[in-house]
Amino acid sequence: MSEEASGTGSGQAGSGTLSEEQLAALLRSHEESLLDPAVRRDRARVAALLADDFQESGASGRVWTREQVLDLLGKEGFQRPAMENFECRQISAGVALIGYLCVRSDPRTGERSATLRSSLWTEELGEWKMRFHQGTRAL
């Protein structure tokens, strides 16, 4: 979520009513929206996706709270990266682990950088919320 580490509120359904494919599509959509600069600037849209006890471990090693992420995203300059190798694993009822590669290209140099991202999503009262996110620089 923060620029160093990484949709929208309504239309979420509980895991009991979703197939594995539907859950993967829903959570991919949420992850992709969190990479969208317009969504990132909309505090309410991001807040709707983050659990109250959300925490992020960024690629720099810094730990971010929900409030810190919400404050930061509203101020950052952000260019949307590409998402590759998306995977969704339902760990148990109401718990899913997401993993993907986040790829950026510097518009001036064309240099490519990549970050491995993982997120833990939990279902709360029929809505899926991101509880934890981590970004790790990929070599």
C-alpha atoms as a PDB file:
ATOM      1  CA  MET A   1       0.000   0.000   0.000  1.00  0.00           C
ATOM      2  CA  SER A   2       2.516   2.701   0.809  1.00  0.00           C
ATOM      3  CA  GLU A   3       4.554   3.386  -2.302  1.00  0.00           C
ATOM      4  CA  GLU A   4       7.291   1.113  -1.081  1.00  0.00           C
ATOM      5  CA  ALA A   5       5.040  -1.744  -0.108  1.00  0.00           C
ATOM      6  CA  SER A   6       1.221  -1.704  -1.532  1.00  0.00           C
ATOM      7  CA  GLY A   7     -11.086  -2.750  -4.349  1.00  0.00           C
ATOM      8  CA  THR A   8     -13.497  -0.712  -3.278  1.00  0.00           C
ATOM      9  CA  GLY A   9     -16.036  -0.975  -0.478  1.00  0.00           C
ATOM     10  CA  SER A  10     -19.334  -2.305  -1.775  1.00  0.00           C
ATOM     11  CA  GLY A  11     -20.145  -5.479  -3.603  1.00  0.00           C
ATOM     12  CA  GLN A  12     -18.130  -7.717  -1.348  1.00  0.00           C
ATOM     13  CA  ALA A  13     -19.445 -11.120  -0.492  1.00  0.00           C
ATOM     14  CA  GLY A  14     -18.568 -13.569   2.224  1.00  0.00           C
ATOM     15  CA  SER A  15     -16.297 -16.534   1.522  1.00  0.00           C
ATOM     16  CA  GLY A  16     -19.187 -18.903   2.110  1.00  0.00           C
ATOM     17  CA  THR A  17     -20.901 -17.578  -1.006  1.00  0.00           C
ATOM     18  CA  LEU A  18     -17.820 -17.363  -3.241  1.00  0.00           C
ATOM     19  CA  SER A  19     -16.000 -20.063  -5.163  1.00  0.00           C
ATOM     20  CA  GLU A  20     -12.186 -20.078  -5.016  1.00  0.00           C
ATOM     21  CA  GLU A  21     -12.104 -18.399  -8.435  1.00  0.00           C
ATOM     22  CA  GLN A  22     -14.588 -15.719  -7.371  1.00  0.00           C
ATOM     23  CA  LEU A  23     -12.649 -15.005  -4.182  1.00  0.00           C
ATOM     24  CA  ALA A  24      -9.397 -14.727  -6.155  1.00  0.00           C
ATOM     25  CA  ALA A  25     -11.064 -12.338  -8.631  1.00  0.00           C
ATOM     26  CA  LEU A  26     -12.509 -10.200  -5.818  1.00  0.00           C
ATOM     27  CA  LEU A  27      -9.236  -9.925  -3.916  1.00  0.00           C
ATOM     28  CA  ARG A  28      -7.256  -9.295  -7.111  1.00  0.00           C
ATOM     29  CA  SER A  29      -9.644  -6.450  -7.871  1.00  0.00           C
ATOM     30  CA  HIS A  30      -9.086  -5.034  -4.381  1.00  0.00           C
ATOM     31  CA  GLU A  31      -5.309  -5.336  -4.695  1.00  0.00           C
ATOM     32  CA  GLU A  32      -5.376  -3.697  -8.135  1.00  0.00           C
ATOM     33  CA  SER A  33      -7.463  -0.828  -6.828  1.00  0.00           C
ATOM     34  CA  LEU A  34      -4.912  -0.253  -4.097  1.00  0.00           C
ATOM     35  CA  LEU A  35      -2.341   0.202  -6.884  1.00  0.00           C
ATOM     36  CA  ASP A  36      -4.542   2.780  -8.654  1.00  0.00           C
ATOM     37  CA  PRO A  37      -3.373   6.362  -7.955  1.00  0.00           C
ATOM     38  CA  ALA A  38      -6.973   7.692  -7.937  1.00  0.00           C
ATOM     39  CA  VAL A  39      -8.059   5.141  -5.327  1.00  0.00           C
ATOM     40  CA  ARG A  40      -4.928   5.709  -3.233  1.00  0.00           C
ATOM     41  CA  ARG A  41      -5.786   9.427  -2.977  1.00  0.00           C
ATOM     42  CA  ASP A  42      -9.328   8.596  -1.783  1.00  0.00           C
ATOM     43  CA  ARG A  43      -8.978   8.013   1.955  1.00  0.00           C
ATOM     44  CA  ALA A  44     -12.494   6.597   2.337  1.00  0.00           C
ATOM     45  CA  ARG A  45     -12.016   4.010  -0.430  1.00  0.00           C
ATOM     46  CA  VAL A  46      -8.718   2.811   1.023  1.00  0.00           C
ATOM     47  CA  ALA A  47     -10.058   2.846   4.592  1.00  0.00           C
ATOM     48  CA  ALA A  48     -12.968   0.626   3.495  1.00  0.00           C
ATOM     49  CA  LEU A  49     -10.456  -2.055   2.492  1.00  0.00           C
ATOM     50  CA  LEU A  50      -8.152  -1.978   5.513  1.00  0.00           C
ATOM     51  CA  ALA A  51      -8.903  -3.721   8.799  1.00  0.00           C
ATOM     52  CA  ASP A  52      -8.838  -1.521  11.890  1.00  0.00           C
ATOM     53  CA  ASP A  53      -5.667  -3.293  13.081  1.00  0.00           C
ATOM     54  CA  PHE A  54      -3.994  -3.230   9.644  1.00  0.00           C
ATOM     55  CA  GLN A  55      -0.192  -3.199   9.599  1.00  0.00           C
ATOM     56  CA  GLU A  56       2.303  -3.005   6.748  1.00  0.00           C
ATOM     57  CA  SER A  57       5.950  -4.016   6.683  1.00  0.00           C
ATOM     58  CA  GLY A  58       7.496  -2.014   3.862  1.00  0.00           C
ATOM     59  CA  ALA A  59      10.386  -2.964   1.612  1.00  0.00           C
ATOM     60  CA  SER A  60      12.547  -0.460   3.527  1.00  0.00           C
ATOM     61  CA  GLY A  61      11.945  -2.348   6.774  1.00  0.00           C
ATOM     62  CA  ARG A  62       9.642   0.335   8.157  1.00  0.00           C
ATOM     63  CA  VAL A  63       6.391  -0.732   9.813  1.00  0.00           C
ATOM     64  CA  TRP A  64       3.275   1.314   9.006  1.00  0.00           C
ATOM     65  CA  THR A  65      -0.040   1.470  10.887  1.00  0.00           C
ATOM     66  CA  ARG A  66      -3.403   1.887   9.213  1.00  0.00           C
ATOM     67  CA  GLU A  67      -3.554   5.603  10.039  1.00  0.00           C
ATOM     68  CA  GLN A  68      -0.013   6.205   8.793  1.00  0.00           C
ATOM     69  CA  VAL A  69      -0.811   4.495   5.494  1.00  0.00           C
ATOM     70  CA  LEU A  70      -4.046   6.450   5.077  1.00  0.00           C
ATOM     71  CA  ASP A  71      -2.194   9.726   5.716  1.00  0.00           C
ATOM     72  CA  LEU A  72       0.695   8.852   3.409  1.00  0.00           C
ATOM     73  CA  LEU A  73      -1.333   7.670   0.432  1.00  0.00           C
ATOM     74  CA  GLY A  74      -3.245  10.945   0.238  1.00  0.00           C
ATOM     75  CA  LYS A  75       0.008  12.873  -0.228  1.00  0.00           C
ATOM     76  CA  GLU A  76       2.202  10.640  -2.358  1.00  0.00           C
ATOM     77  CA  GLY A  77       3.060  10.889  -6.007  1.00  0.00           C
ATOM     78  CA  PHE A  78       2.481   7.408  -7.393  1.00  0.00           C
ATOM     79  CA  GLN A  79       2.745   5.809 -10.804  1.00  0.00           C
ATOM     80  CA  ARG A  80       0.742   2.622 -11.188  1.00  0.00           C
ATOM     81  CA  PRO A  81       2.963  -0.476 -11.361  1.00  0.00           C
ATOM     82  CA  ALA A  82       2.208  -3.749 -13.140  1.00  0.00           C
ATOM     83  CA  MET A  83       1.006  -6.777 -11.192  1.00  0.00           C
ATOM     84  CA  GLU A  84       2.445 -10.150 -12.233  1.00  0.00           C
ATOM     85  CA  ASN A  85       2.108 -13.745 -11.006  1.00  0.00           C
ATOM     86  CA  PHE A  86      -0.964 -13.120  -8.835  1.00  0.00           C
ATOM     87  CA  GLU A  87      -1.819 -15.977  -6.474  1.00  0.00           C
ATOM     88  CA  CYS A  88      -4.646 -16.378  -3.971  1.00  0.00           C
ATOM     89  CA  ARG A  89      -4.686 -19.115  -1.340  1.00  0.00           C
ATOM     90  CA  GLN A  90      -7.595 -19.520   1.017  1.00  0.00           C
ATOM     91  CA  ILE A  91      -5.905 -20.477   4.294  1.00  0.00           C
ATOM     92  CA  SER A  92      -9.129 -21.191   6.165  1.00  0.00           C
ATOM     93  CA  ALA A  93     -12.711 -19.959   6.151  1.00  0.00           C
ATOM     94  CA  GLY A  94     -12.546 -16.180   6.035  1.00  0.00           C
ATOM     95  CA  VAL A  95      -8.745 -15.969   5.622  1.00  0.00           C
ATOM     96  CA  ALA A  96      -6.842 -15.598   2.338  1.00  0.00           C
ATOM     97  CA  LEU A  97      -3.184 -15.054   1.502  1.00  0.00           C
ATOM     98  CA  ILE A  98      -2.352 -13.060  -1.623  1.00  0.00           C
ATOM     99  CA  GLY A  99       1.027 -12.945  -3.342  1.00  0.00           C
ATOM    100  CA  TYR A 100       2.254 -11.203  -6.490  1.00  0.00           C
ATOM    101  CA  LEU A 101       5.165  -9.401  -8.092  1.00  0.00           C
ATOM    102  CA  CYS A 102       4.838  -5.626  -8.372  1.00  0.00           C
ATOM    103  CA  VAL A 103       6.904  -4.284 -11.282  1.00  0.00           C
ATOM    104  CA  ARG A 104       7.820  -0.660 -11.969  1.00  0.00           C
ATOM    105  CA  SER A 105       9.701   0.874 -14.876  1.00  0.00           C
ATOM    106  CA  ASP A 106      11.434   4.222 -14.511  1.00  0.00           C
ATOM    107  CA  PRO A 107       9.954   6.404 -17.296  1.00  0.00           C
ATOM    108  CA  ARG A 108      13.274   8.220 -17.784  1.00  0.00           C
ATOM    109  CA  THR A 109      15.729   5.335 -17.732  1.00  0.00           C
ATOM    110  CA  GLY A 110      13.529   2.324 -18.434  1.00  0.00           C
ATOM    111  CA  GLU A 111      15.131   0.630 -15.432  1.00  0.00           C
ATOM    112  CA  ARG A 112      12.907  -2.080 -13.991  1.00  0.00           C
ATOM    113  CA  SER A 113      12.455  -2.717 -10.287  1.00  0.00           C
ATOM    114  CA  ALA A 114      10.308  -5.355  -8.645  1.00  0.00           C
ATOM    115  CA  THR A 115       8.836  -5.989  -5.234  1.00  0.00           C
ATOM    116  CA  LEU A 116       7.350  -9.230  -3.946  1.00  0.00           C
ATOM    117  CA  ARG A 117       4.073  -8.387  -2.254  1.00  0.00           C
ATOM    118  CA  SER A 118       2.002 -10.444   0.127  1.00  0.00           C
ATOM    119  CA  SER A 119      -1.235  -9.563   1.846  1.00  0.00           C
ATOM    120  CA  LEU A 120      -3.382 -11.285   4.417  1.00  0.00           C
ATOM    121  CA  TRP A 121      -7.102 -10.682   3.908  1.00  0.00           C
ATOM    122  CA  THR A 122      -9.790 -11.600   6.418  1.00  0.00           C
ATOM    123  CA  GLU A 123     -13.534 -11.588   6.114  1.00  0.00           C
ATOM    124  CA  GLU A 124     -15.258  -9.302   8.610  1.00  0.00           C
ATOM    125  CA  LEU A 125     -19.042  -9.226   8.698  1.00  0.00           C
ATOM    126  CA  GLY A 126     -19.251 -10.330   5.068  1.00  0.00           C
ATOM    127  CA  GLU A 127     -16.591  -7.916   3.780  1.00  0.00           C
ATOM    128  CA  TRP A 128     -12.981  -8.699   2.951  1.00  0.00           C
ATOM    129  CA  LYS A 129     -10.410  -6.463   4.673  1.00  0.00           C
ATOM    130  CA  MET A 130      -6.651  -6.379   4.303  1.00  0.00           C
ATOM    131  CA  ARG A 131      -5.150  -7.069   7.727  1.00  0.00           C
ATOM    132  CA  PHE A 132      -1.449  -7.244   6.821  1.00  0.00           C
ATOM    133  CA  HIS A 133       0.715  -6.318   3.831  1.00  0.00           C
ATOM    134  CA  GLN A 134       4.422  -6.762   3.170  1.00  0.00           C
ATOM    135  CA  GLY A 135       6.703  -5.680   0.360  1.00  0.00           C
ATOM    136  CA  THR A 136      10.131  -7.231  -0.157  1.00  0.00           C
ATOM    137  CA  ARG A 137      12.528  -6.030  -2.837  1.00  0.00           C
ATOM    138  CA  ALA A 138      13.044  -8.693  -5.489  1.00  0.00           C
ATOM    139  CA  LEU A 139      16.464  -9.243  -7.041  1.00  0.00           C
END
